[in-house]
Every structure is written in C-alpha cells, then in structure tokens.
C-alpha cells in the first residue's frame, strides 16, 4: 500500500510493507523507515462474554 506525500523527513511517498517483525513504512525517495506498532499485533481480541452468555443476551 502506498501513502502519498507522507514522509516526515522529505514529504515523499511511503510504501507500507510486511516484515518478519510487523509492518513498516519505507520512503521511496530518502529511505526513511518507521514501524507500525498498531498493525504489528495479529493476536485476536478475546471477548469478555462467553458464547453461552452471548446467546442468552440475544434471546432475551
């Protein structure tokens, strides 16, 4: 995915890529690189209610 004119160093175009450690943004003009901590977690979020409790709430 490209992010146009979003480099903080040179206002060049950034490319978002997947690495072994998460997601990175790389500037195509100057080579500036930063990681995306938001996208790095691929763990599913656990629900606080069980499936049985959810069924009871829906059926009421």
C-alpha atoms as a PDB file:
ATOM      1  CA  UNK A   1       0.000   0.000   0.000  1.00  0.00           C
ATOM      2  CA  UNK A   2       1.254   3.491  -0.779  1.00  0.00           C
ATOM      3  CA  UNK A   3       0.857   6.601   1.343  1.00  0.00           C
ATOM      4  CA  UNK A   4       1.478   9.590  -0.890  1.00  0.00           C
ATOM      5  CA  UNK A   5       3.423  12.607   0.425  1.00  0.00           C
ATOM      6  CA  UNK A   6       3.546  11.251   3.993  1.00  0.00           C
ATOM      7  CA  UNK A   7       7.292  11.022   4.739  1.00  0.00           C
ATOM      8  CA  UNK A   8       8.111  13.220   7.757  1.00  0.00           C
ATOM      9  CA  UNK A   9      11.673  13.787   6.512  1.00  0.00           C
ATOM     10  CA  UNK A  10      11.249  14.705   2.824  1.00  0.00           C
ATOM     11  CA  UNK A  11       7.445  14.593   2.212  1.00  0.00           C
ATOM     12  CA  UNK A  12       7.994  11.784  -0.274  1.00  0.00           C
ATOM     13  CA  UNK A  13       5.789   8.771  -0.939  1.00  0.00           C
ATOM     14  CA  UNK A  14       5.828   5.957   1.626  1.00  0.00           C
ATOM     15  CA  UNK A  15       5.321   2.253   0.966  1.00  0.00           C
ATOM     16  CA  UNK A  16       3.790   0.055   3.707  1.00  0.00           C
ATOM     17  CA  UNK A  17       5.298  -3.429   3.778  1.00  0.00           C
ATOM     18  CA  UNK A  18       5.027  -6.535   5.935  1.00  0.00           C
ATOM     19  CA  UNK A  19       8.241  -7.761   7.600  1.00  0.00           C
ATOM     20  CA  UNK A  20       9.033 -10.623   9.971  1.00  0.00           C
ATOM     21  CA  UNK A  21       8.542  -8.256  12.915  1.00  0.00           C
ATOM     22  CA  UNK A  22       5.343  -6.460  11.877  1.00  0.00           C
ATOM     23  CA  UNK A  23       4.535  -3.651   9.453  1.00  0.00           C
ATOM     24  CA  UNK A  24       6.975  -0.966   8.260  1.00  0.00           C
ATOM     25  CA  UNK A  25       6.672   2.229   6.259  1.00  0.00           C
ATOM     26  CA  UNK A  26       9.564   2.984   3.894  1.00  0.00           C
ATOM     27  CA  UNK A  27      10.052   6.245   1.989  1.00  0.00           C
ATOM     28  CA  UNK A  28      10.702   5.661  -1.702  1.00  0.00           C
ATOM     29  CA  UNK A  29      12.686   8.921  -2.014  1.00  0.00           C
ATOM     30  CA  UNK A  30      15.013   9.131   1.008  1.00  0.00           C
ATOM     31  CA  UNK A  31      14.791   5.638   2.550  1.00  0.00           C
ATOM     32  CA  UNK A  32      13.343   6.789   5.889  1.00  0.00           C
ATOM     33  CA  UNK A  33      11.846   3.813   7.731  1.00  0.00           C
ATOM     34  CA  UNK A  34       9.455   3.523  10.664  1.00  0.00           C
ATOM     35  CA  UNK A  35       7.468   0.652  12.102  1.00  0.00           C
ATOM     36  CA  UNK A  36       3.739   0.461  12.647  1.00  0.00           C
ATOM     37  CA  UNK A  37       3.066  -0.710  16.173  1.00  0.00           C
ATOM     38  CA  UNK A  38      -0.699  -0.574  15.585  1.00  0.00           C
ATOM     39  CA  UNK A  39      -0.617  -3.229  12.853  1.00  0.00           C
ATOM     40  CA  UNK A  40       2.101  -5.350  14.458  1.00  0.00           C
ATOM     41  CA  UNK A  41      -0.251  -7.314  16.695  1.00  0.00           C
ATOM     42  CA  UNK A  42      -2.029 -10.139  14.905  1.00  0.00           C
ATOM     43  CA  UNK A  43      -3.471 -11.615  18.101  1.00  0.00           C
ATOM     44  CA  UNK A  44      -7.281 -11.884  18.128  1.00  0.00           C
ATOM     45  CA  UNK A  45      -9.015  -9.928  20.861  1.00  0.00           C
ATOM     46  CA  UNK A  46     -10.713 -12.097  23.470  1.00  0.00           C
ATOM     47  CA  UNK A  47     -14.335 -11.351  24.211  1.00  0.00           C
ATOM     48  CA  UNK A  48     -15.321 -10.749  27.820  1.00  0.00           C
ATOM     49  CA  UNK A  49     -18.558 -12.727  27.429  1.00  0.00           C
ATOM     50  CA  UNK A  50     -18.716 -16.400  26.604  1.00  0.00           C
ATOM     51  CA  UNK A  51     -20.706 -17.732  23.660  1.00  0.00           C
ATOM     52  CA  UNK A  52     -23.372 -19.096  26.029  1.00  0.00           C
ATOM     53  CA  UNK A  53     -23.786 -15.706  27.744  1.00  0.00           C
ATOM     54  CA  UNK A  54     -23.988 -14.055  24.333  1.00  0.00           C
ATOM     55  CA  UNK A  55     -26.773 -16.419  23.244  1.00  0.00           C
ATOM     56  CA  UNK A  56     -28.692 -15.680  26.466  1.00  0.00           C
ATOM     57  CA  UNK A  57     -28.370 -11.922  25.907  1.00  0.00           C
ATOM     58  CA  UNK A  58     -29.528 -12.193  22.293  1.00  0.00           C
ATOM     59  CA  UNK A  59     -32.514 -14.434  23.036  1.00  0.00           C
ATOM     60  CA  UNK A  60     -33.986 -12.083  25.670  1.00  0.00           C
END
